Amino acid sequence: MENSAYRRIAVLADTHDLLRPEAVKVLRTCEV
C-alpha cells in the first residue's frame, strides 16, 4: 500500500483547547 497513491484522512479527538504543532504537521499531510 505504501507504494501506491492513497488518500489521507486525519482522525483526532479530545484536543481540549490544545492543538500541538506536531499534530498540525500531521494534519497538513491530510485532505480531510
PDB file of all heavy atoms in Angstrom:
ATOM      1  N   MET A   1       0.826  -1.211   0.000  1.00  0.00           N
ATOM      2  CA  MET A   1       0.000   0.000   0.000  1.00  0.00           C
ATOM      3  C   MET A   1       0.858   1.256   0.000  1.00  0.00           C
ATOM      4  O   MET A   1       0.530   2.266  -0.590  1.00  0.00           O
ATOM      5  CB  MET A   1      -0.937   0.009   1.206  1.00  0.00           C
ATOM      6  CG  MET A   1      -1.921   1.160   1.227  1.00  0.00           C
ATOM      7  SD  MET A   1      -3.178   0.895   2.484  1.00  0.00           S
ATOM      8  CE  MET A   1      -4.223   2.296   2.152  1.00  0.00           C
ATOM      9  N   GLU A   2       2.014   1.199   0.663  1.00  0.00           N
ATOM     10  CA  GLU A   2       2.868   2.362   0.747  1.00  0.00           C
ATOM     11  C   GLU A   2       3.385   2.779  -0.619  1.00  0.00           C
ATOM     12  O   GLU A   2       3.770   3.922  -0.820  1.00  0.00           O
ATOM     13  CB  GLU A   2       4.056   2.086   1.695  1.00  0.00           C
ATOM     14  CG  GLU A   2       3.658   1.862   3.134  1.00  0.00           C
ATOM     15  CD  GLU A   2       3.049   3.089   3.774  1.00  0.00           C
ATOM     16  OE1 GLU A   2       3.272   4.203   3.278  1.00  0.00           O
ATOM     17  OE2 GLU A   2       2.337   2.922   4.776  1.00  0.00           O
ATOM     18  N   ASN A   3       3.432   1.827  -1.589  1.00  0.00           N
ATOM     19  CA  ASN A   3       3.956   2.136  -2.914  1.00  0.00           C
ATOM     20  C   ASN A   3       2.890   2.641  -3.866  1.00  0.00           C
ATOM     21  O   ASN A   3       3.170   2.955  -5.012  1.00  0.00           O
ATOM     22  CB  ASN A   3       4.630   0.884  -3.510  1.00  0.00           C
ATOM     23  CG  ASN A   3       5.826   0.447  -2.679  1.00  0.00           C
ATOM     24  OD1 ASN A   3       6.539   1.294  -2.148  1.00  0.00           O
ATOM     25  ND2 ASN A   3       6.026  -0.854  -2.564  1.00  0.00           N
ATOM     26  N   SER A   4       1.642   2.711  -3.427  1.00  0.00           N
ATOM     27  CA  SER A   4       0.543   3.163  -4.267  1.00  0.00           C
ATOM     28  C   SER A   4       0.042   4.518  -3.789  1.00  0.00           C
ATOM     29  O   SER A   4       0.224   4.894  -2.637  1.00  0.00           O
ATOM     30  CB  SER A   4      -0.611   2.142  -4.223  1.00  0.00           C
ATOM     31  OG  SER A   4      -0.148   0.866  -4.623  1.00  0.00           O
ATOM     32  N   ALA A   5      -0.585   5.236  -4.704  1.00  0.00           N
ATOM     33  CA  ALA A   5      -1.171   6.521  -4.319  1.00  0.00           C
ATOM     34  C   ALA A   5      -2.345   6.277  -3.379  1.00  0.00           C
ATOM     35  O   ALA A   5      -3.130   5.352  -3.573  1.00  0.00           O
ATOM     36  CB  ALA A   5      -1.629   7.253  -5.572  1.00  0.00           C
ATOM     37  N   TYR A   6      -2.457   7.078  -2.350  1.00  0.00           N
ATOM     38  CA  TYR A   6      -3.558   6.906  -1.415  1.00  0.00           C
ATOM     39  C   TYR A   6      -3.997   8.251  -0.863  1.00  0.00           C
ATOM     40  O   TYR A   6      -3.279   9.236  -0.896  1.00  0.00           O
ATOM     41  CB  TYR A   6      -3.184   5.952  -0.277  1.00  0.00           C
ATOM     42  CG  TYR A   6      -1.936   6.323   0.486  1.00  0.00           C
ATOM     43  CD1 TYR A   6      -1.982   7.211   1.564  1.00  0.00           C
ATOM     44  CD2 TYR A   6      -0.710   5.770   0.138  1.00  0.00           C
ATOM     45  CE1 TYR A   6      -0.843   7.540   2.271  1.00  0.00           C
ATOM     46  CE2 TYR A   6       0.447   6.111   0.845  1.00  0.00           C
ATOM     47  CZ  TYR A   6       0.372   6.992   1.904  1.00  0.00           C
ATOM     48  OH  TYR A   6       1.506   7.323   2.593  1.00  0.00           O
ATOM     49  N   ARG A   7      -5.234   8.285  -0.384  1.00  0.00           N
ATOM     50  CA  ARG A   7      -5.802   9.473   0.249  1.00  0.00           C
ATOM     51  C   ARG A   7      -5.584   9.363   1.752  1.00  0.00           C
ATOM     52  O   ARG A   7      -5.613   8.275   2.313  1.00  0.00           O
ATOM     53  CB  ARG A   7      -7.319   9.577  -0.055  1.00  0.00           C
ATOM     54  CG  ARG A   7      -7.718   9.215  -1.478  1.00  0.00           C
ATOM     55  CD  ARG A   7      -7.141  10.165  -2.506  1.00  0.00           C
ATOM     56  NE  ARG A   7      -7.773  11.471  -2.445  1.00  0.00           N
ATOM     57  CZ  ARG A   7      -8.849  11.806  -3.188  1.00  0.00           C
ATOM     58  NH1 ARG A   7      -9.419  10.918  -3.990  1.00  0.00           N
ATOM     59  NH2 ARG A   7      -9.345  13.028  -3.108  1.00  0.00           N
ATOM     60  N   ARG A   8      -5.414  10.515   2.385  1.00  0.00           N
ATOM     61  CA  ARG A   8      -5.129  10.521   3.816  1.00  0.00           C
ATOM     62  C   ARG A   8      -6.198  11.319   4.568  1.00  0.00           C
ATOM     63  O   ARG A   8      -6.505  12.464   4.232  1.00  0.00           O
ATOM     64  CB  ARG A   8      -3.747  11.128   4.079  1.00  0.00           C
ATOM     65  CG  ARG A   8      -2.606  10.241   3.611  1.00  0.00           C
ATOM     66  CD  ARG A   8      -1.277  10.999   3.689  1.00  0.00           C
ATOM     67  NE  ARG A   8      -0.939  11.415   5.048  1.00  0.00           N
ATOM     68  CZ  ARG A   8      -0.233  10.682   5.903  1.00  0.00           C
ATOM     69  NH1 ARG A   8       0.184   9.481   5.552  1.00  0.00           N
ATOM     70  NH2 ARG A   8       0.046  11.138   7.109  1.00  0.00           N
ATOM     71  N   ILE A   9      -6.750  10.701   5.607  1.00  0.00           N
ATOM     72  CA  ILE A   9      -7.760  11.335   6.462  1.00  0.00           C
ATOM     73  C   ILE A   9      -7.216  11.348   7.885  1.00  0.00           C
ATOM     74  O   ILE A   9      -6.864  10.302   8.441  1.00  0.00           O
ATOM     75  CB  ILE A   9      -9.087  10.557   6.429  1.00  0.00           C
ATOM     76  CG1 ILE A   9      -9.619  10.460   4.999  1.00  0.00           C
ATOM     77  CG2 ILE A   9     -10.116  11.211   7.355  1.00  0.00           C
ATOM     78  CD1 ILE A   9     -10.802   9.506   4.858  1.00  0.00           C
ATOM     79  N   ALA A  10      -7.139  12.521   8.482  1.00  0.00           N
ATOM     80  CA  ALA A  10      -6.671  12.631   9.865  1.00  0.00           C
ATOM     81  C   ALA A  10      -7.825  12.374  10.823  1.00  0.00           C
ATOM     82  O   ALA A  10      -8.947  12.838  10.602  1.00  0.00           O
ATOM     83  CB  ALA A  10      -6.083  14.011  10.125  1.00  0.00           C
ATOM     84  N   VAL A  11      -7.558  11.634  11.879  1.00  0.00           N
ATOM     85  CA  VAL A  11      -8.569  11.358  12.907  1.00  0.00           C
ATOM     86  C   VAL A  11      -7.965  11.731  14.264  1.00  0.00           C
ATOM     87  O   VAL A  11      -6.925  11.203  14.659  1.00  0.00           O
ATOM     88  CB  VAL A  11      -8.978   9.871  12.919  1.00  0.00           C
ATOM     89  CG1 VAL A  11     -10.136   9.665  13.885  1.00  0.00           C
ATOM     90  CG2 VAL A  11      -9.353   9.395  11.514  1.00  0.00           C
ATOM     91  N   LEU A  12      -8.626  12.654  14.956  1.00  0.00           N
ATOM     92  CA  LEU A  12      -8.149  13.069  16.266  1.00  0.00           C
ATOM     93  C   LEU A  12      -9.335  13.376  17.173  1.00  0.00           C
ATOM     94  O   LEU A  12     -10.473  13.472  16.697  1.00  0.00           O
ATOM     95  CB  LEU A  12      -7.218  14.273  16.171  1.00  0.00           C
ATOM     96  CG  LEU A  12      -7.798  15.649  15.851  1.00  0.00           C
ATOM     97  CD1 LEU A  12      -6.776  16.755  16.128  1.00  0.00           C
ATOM     98  CD2 LEU A  12      -8.234  15.753  14.391  1.00  0.00           C
ATOM     99  N   ALA A  13      -9.062  13.545  18.455  1.00  0.00           N
ATOM    100  CA  ALA A  13     -10.137  13.805  19.413  1.00  0.00           C
ATOM    101  C   ALA A  13      -9.553  14.331  20.710  1.00  0.00           C
ATOM    102  O   ALA A  13      -8.340  14.310  20.926  1.00  0.00           O
ATOM    103  CB  ALA A  13     -10.938  12.529  19.687  1.00  0.00           C
ATOM    104  N   ASP A  14     -10.436  14.819  21.573  1.00  0.00           N
ATOM    105  CA  ASP A  14     -10.058  15.260  22.918  1.00  0.00           C
ATOM    106  C   ASP A  14      -8.848  16.191  22.895  1.00  0.00           C
ATOM    107  O   ASP A  14      -7.897  16.020  23.658  1.00  0.00           O
ATOM    108  CB  ASP A  14      -9.814  14.040  23.813  1.00  0.00           C
ATOM    109  CG  ASP A  14     -11.099  13.283  24.098  1.00  0.00           C
ATOM    110  OD1 ASP A  14     -11.938  13.816  24.843  1.00  0.00           O
ATOM    111  OD2 ASP A  14     -11.274  12.184  23.552  1.00  0.00           O
ATOM    112  N   THR A  15      -8.902  17.198  22.011  1.00  0.00           N
ATOM    113  CA  THR A  15      -7.819  18.180  21.964  1.00  0.00           C
ATOM    114  C   THR A  15      -7.889  19.145  23.145  1.00  0.00           C
ATOM    115  O   THR A  15      -6.874  19.737  23.510  1.00  0.00           O
ATOM    116  CB  THR A  15      -7.867  18.973  20.641  1.00  0.00           C
ATOM    117  OG1 THR A  15      -9.221  19.341  20.348  1.00  0.00           O
ATOM    118  CG2 THR A  15      -7.336  18.138  19.493  1.00  0.00           C
ATOM    119  N   HIS A  16      -9.070  19.329  23.716  1.00  0.00           N
ATOM    120  CA  HIS A  16      -9.229  20.127  24.937  1.00  0.00           C
ATOM    121  C   HIS A  16      -8.461  21.456  24.879  1.00  0.00           C
ATOM    122  O   HIS A  16      -7.638  21.756  25.737  1.00  0.00           O
ATOM    123  CB  HIS A  16      -8.815  19.321  26.169  1.00  0.00           C
ATOM    124  CG  HIS A  16      -9.763  18.210  26.503  1.00  0.00           C
ATOM    125  ND1 HIS A  16     -10.949  18.423  27.178  1.00  0.00           N
ATOM    126  CD2 HIS A  16      -9.711  16.884  26.225  1.00  0.00           C
ATOM    127  CE1 HIS A  16     -11.582  17.265  27.312  1.00  0.00           C
ATOM    128  NE2 HIS A  16     -10.855  16.312  26.741  1.00  0.00           N
ATOM    129  N   ASP A  17      -8.733  22.204  23.827  1.00  0.00           N
ATOM    130  CA  ASP A  17      -8.184  23.555  23.687  1.00  0.00           C
ATOM    131  C   ASP A  17      -6.675  23.582  23.455  1.00  0.00           C
ATOM    132  O   ASP A  17      -6.023  24.594  23.705  1.00  0.00           O
ATOM    133  CB  ASP A  17      -8.545  24.415  24.910  1.00  0.00           C
ATOM    134  CG  ASP A  17      -8.592  25.911  24.576  1.00  0.00           C
ATOM    135  OD1 ASP A  17      -8.749  26.239  23.393  1.00  0.00           O
ATOM    136  OD2 ASP A  17      -8.467  26.734  25.492  1.00  0.00           O
ATOM    137  N   LEU A  18      -6.106  22.468  22.988  1.00  0.00           N
ATOM    138  CA  LEU A  18      -4.679  22.427  22.681  1.00  0.00           C
ATOM    139  C   LEU A  18      -4.460  21.730  21.345  1.00  0.00           C
ATOM    140  O   LEU A  18      -4.792  20.551  21.188  1.00  0.00           O
ATOM    141  CB  LEU A  18      -3.904  21.687  23.769  1.00  0.00           C
ATOM    142  CG  LEU A  18      -2.410  21.452  23.481  1.00  0.00           C
ATOM    143  CD1 LEU A  18      -1.667  22.779  23.376  1.00  0.00           C
ATOM    144  CD2 LEU A  18      -1.784  20.561  24.557  1.00  0.00           C
ATOM    145  N   LEU A  19      -3.908  22.456  20.379  1.00  0.00           N
ATOM    146  CA  LEU A  19      -3.552  21.876  19.088  1.00  0.00           C
ATOM    147  C   LEU A  19      -2.029  21.898  18.988  1.00  0.00           C
ATOM    148  O   LEU A  19      -1.415  22.942  18.742  1.00  0.00           O
ATOM    149  CB  LEU A  19      -4.190  22.664  17.940  1.00  0.00           C
ATOM    150  CG  LEU A  19      -4.163  22.007  16.559  1.00  0.00           C
ATOM    151  CD1 LEU A  19      -4.786  20.615  16.596  1.00  0.00           C
ATOM    152  CD2 LEU A  19      -4.889  22.872  15.546  1.00  0.00           C
ATOM    153  N   ARG A  20      -1.435  20.753  19.212  1.00  0.00           N
ATOM    154  CA  ARG A  20       0.018  20.655  19.246  1.00  0.00           C
ATOM    155  C   ARG A  20       0.635  20.884  17.857  1.00  0.00           C
ATOM    156  O   ARG A  20       0.099  20.391  16.860  1.00  0.00           O
ATOM    157  CB  ARG A  20       0.437  19.273  19.749  1.00  0.00           C
ATOM    158  CG  ARG A  20       0.010  18.970  21.174  1.00  0.00           C
ATOM    159  CD  ARG A  20       0.305  17.523  21.525  1.00  0.00           C
ATOM    160  NE  ARG A  20      -0.104  17.221  22.893  1.00  0.00           N
ATOM    161  CZ  ARG A  20       0.664  17.389  23.951  1.00  0.00           C
ATOM    162  NH1 ARG A  20       1.905  17.840  23.785  1.00  0.00           N
ATOM    163  NH2 ARG A  20       0.229  17.100  25.163  1.00  0.00           N
ATOM    164  N   PRO A  21       1.773  21.563  17.780  1.00  0.00           N
ATOM    165  CA  PRO A  21       2.446  21.774  16.489  1.00  0.00           C
ATOM    166  C   PRO A  21       2.748  20.471  15.765  1.00  0.00           C
ATOM    167  O   PRO A  21       2.639  20.384  14.545  1.00  0.00           O
ATOM    168  CB  PRO A  21       3.736  22.506  16.886  1.00  0.00           C
ATOM    169  CG  PRO A  21       3.387  23.218  18.149  1.00  0.00           C
ATOM    170  CD  PRO A  21       2.456  22.289  18.875  1.00  0.00           C
ATOM    171  N   GLU A  22       3.111  19.425  16.511  1.00  0.00           N
ATOM    172  CA  GLU A  22       3.410  18.143  15.884  1.00  0.00           C
ATOM    173  C   GLU A  22       2.150  17.491  15.312  1.00  0.00           C
ATOM    174  O   GLU A  22       2.215  16.762  14.315  1.00  0.00           O
ATOM    175  CB  GLU A  22       4.096  17.214  16.884  1.00  0.00           C
ATOM    176  CG  GLU A  22       3.306  17.015  18.166  1.00  0.00           C
ATOM    177  CD  GLU A  22       4.187  16.589  19.320  1.00  0.00           C
ATOM    178  OE1 GLU A  22       4.867  15.545  19.201  1.00  0.00           O
ATOM    179  OE2 GLU A  22       4.191  17.296  20.345  1.00  0.00           O
ATOM    180  N   ALA A  23       1.001  17.769  15.937  1.00  0.00           N
ATOM    181  CA  ALA A  23      -0.263  17.282  15.379  1.00  0.00           C
ATOM    182  C   ALA A  23      -0.592  18.052  14.101  1.00  0.00           C
ATOM    183  O   ALA A  23      -1.049  17.469  13.105  1.00  0.00           O
ATOM    184  CB  ALA A  23      -1.387  17.436  16.393  1.00  0.00           C
ATOM    185  N   VAL A  24      -0.364  19.353  14.118  1.00  0.00           N
ATOM    186  CA  VAL A  24      -0.612  20.181  12.931  1.00  0.00           C
ATOM    187  C   VAL A  24       0.222  19.687  11.752  1.00  0.00           C
ATOM    188  O   VAL A  24      -0.250  19.647  10.607  1.00  0.00           O
ATOM    189  CB  VAL A  24      -0.308  21.660  13.221  1.00  0.00           C
ATOM    190  CG1 VAL A  24      -0.352  22.494  11.942  1.00  0.00           C
ATOM    191  CG2 VAL A  24      -1.300  22.213  14.242  1.00  0.00           C
ATOM    192  N   LYS A  25       1.454  19.298  12.022  1.00  0.00           N
ATOM    193  CA  LYS A  25       2.328  18.792  10.963  1.00  0.00           C
ATOM    194  C   LYS A  25       1.718  17.570  10.283  1.00  0.00           C
ATOM    195  O   LYS A  25       1.772  17.434   9.052  1.00  0.00           O
ATOM    196  CB  LYS A  25       3.697  18.437  11.557  1.00  0.00           C
ATOM    197  CG  LYS A  25       4.733  18.035  10.523  1.00  0.00           C
ATOM    198  CD  LYS A  25       6.082  17.800  11.185  1.00  0.00           C
ATOM    199  CE  LYS A  25       7.125  17.400  10.138  1.00  0.00           C
ATOM    200  NZ  LYS A  25       8.461  17.176  10.780  1.00  0.00           N
ATOM    201  N   VAL A  26       1.106  16.683  11.077  1.00  0.00           N
ATOM    202  CA  VAL A  26       0.439  15.508  10.511  1.00  0.00           C
ATOM    203  C   VAL A  26      -0.824  15.927   9.758  1.00  0.00           C
ATOM    204  O   VAL A  26      -1.094  15.451   8.654  1.00  0.00           O
ATOM    205  CB  VAL A  26       0.080  14.497  11.620  1.00  0.00           C
ATOM    206  CG1 VAL A  26      -0.713  13.322  11.037  1.00  0.00           C
ATOM    207  CG2 VAL A  26       1.341  14.001  12.315  1.00  0.00           C
ATOM    208  N   LEU A  27      -1.595  16.835  10.354  1.00  0.00           N
ATOM    209  CA  LEU A  27      -2.840  17.283   9.731  1.00  0.00           C
ATOM    210  C   LEU A  27      -2.602  17.866   8.348  1.00  0.00           C
ATOM    211  O   LEU A  27      -3.422  17.691   7.435  1.00  0.00           O
ATOM    212  CB  LEU A  27      -3.515  18.327  10.624  1.00  0.00           C
ATOM    213  CG  LEU A  27      -4.021  17.852  11.986  1.00  0.00           C
ATOM    214  CD1 LEU A  27      -4.500  19.028  12.822  1.00  0.00           C
ATOM    215  CD2 LEU A  27      -5.131  16.827  11.835  1.00  0.00           C
ATOM    216  N   ARG A  28      -1.478  18.546   8.167  1.00  0.00           N
ATOM    217  CA  ARG A  28      -1.193  19.193   6.882  1.00  0.00           C
ATOM    218  C   ARG A  28      -0.868  18.191   5.785  1.00  0.00           C
ATOM    219  O   ARG A  28      -0.802  18.553   4.608  1.00  0.00           O
ATOM    220  CB  ARG A  28      -0.060  20.200   7.045  1.00  0.00           C
ATOM    221  CG  ARG A  28      -0.446  21.400   7.911  1.00  0.00           C
ATOM    222  CD  ARG A  28       0.551  22.545   7.800  1.00  0.00           C
ATOM    223  NE  ARG A  28       0.224  23.638   8.716  1.00  0.00           N
ATOM    224  CZ  ARG A  28      -0.740  24.525   8.503  1.00  0.00           C
ATOM    225  NH1 ARG A  28      -1.459  24.467   7.387  1.00  0.00           N
ATOM    226  NH2 ARG A  28      -0.974  25.487   9.389  1.00  0.00           N
ATOM    227  N   THR A  29      -0.681  16.925   6.147  1.00  0.00           N
ATOM    228  CA  THR A  29      -0.453  15.883   5.139  1.00  0.00           C
ATOM    229  C   THR A  29      -1.760  15.210   4.727  1.00  0.00           C
ATOM    230  O   THR A  29      -1.740  14.298   3.899  1.00  0.00           O
ATOM    231  CB  THR A  29       0.514  14.805   5.665  1.00  0.00           C
ATOM    232  OG1 THR A  29      -0.134  14.030   6.692  1.00  0.00           O
ATOM    233  CG2 THR A  29       1.784  15.432   6.212  1.00  0.00           C
ATOM    234  N   CYS A  30      -2.873  15.644   5.321  1.00  0.00           N
ATOM    235  CA  CYS A  30      -4.169  15.006   5.087  1.00  0.00           C
ATOM    236  C   CYS A  30      -5.119  15.967   4.375  1.00  0.00           C
ATOM    237  O   CYS A  30      -4.981  17.184   4.487  1.00  0.00           O
ATOM    238  CB  CYS A  30      -4.779  14.549   6.404  1.00  0.00           C
ATOM    239  SG  CYS A  30      -3.733  13.361   7.309  1.00  0.00           S
ATOM    240  N   GLU A  31      -6.087  15.413   3.676  1.00  0.00           N
ATOM    241  CA  GLU A  31      -7.021  16.271   2.942  1.00  0.00           C
ATOM    242  C   GLU A  31      -8.379  16.395   3.614  1.00  0.00           C
ATOM    243  O   GLU A  31      -9.213  17.207   3.196  1.00  0.00           O
ATOM    244  CB  GLU A  31      -7.195  15.769   1.515  1.00  0.00           C
ATOM    245  CG  GLU A  31      -7.553  14.310   1.375  1.00  0.00           C
ATOM    246  CD  GLU A  31      -7.445  13.844  -0.067  1.00  0.00           C
ATOM    247  OE1 GLU A  31      -8.171  14.396  -0.918  1.00  0.00           O
ATOM    248  OE2 GLU A  31      -6.634  12.930  -0.336  1.00  0.00           O
ATOM    249  N   VAL A  32      -8.623  15.632   4.668  1.00  0.00           N
ATOM    250  CA  VAL A  32      -9.850  15.731   5.455  1.00  0.00           C
ATOM    251  C   VAL A  32      -9.476  15.489   6.919  1.00  0.00           C
ATOM    252  O   VAL A  32      -8.567  14.704   7.213  1.00  0.00           O
ATOM    253  CB  VAL A  32     -10.920  14.701   5.021  1.00  0.00           C
ATOM    254  CG1 VAL A  32     -12.195  14.871   5.841  1.00  0.00           C
ATOM    255  CG2 VAL A  32     -11.231  14.813   3.542  1.00  0.00           C
TER     256      VAL A  32
END
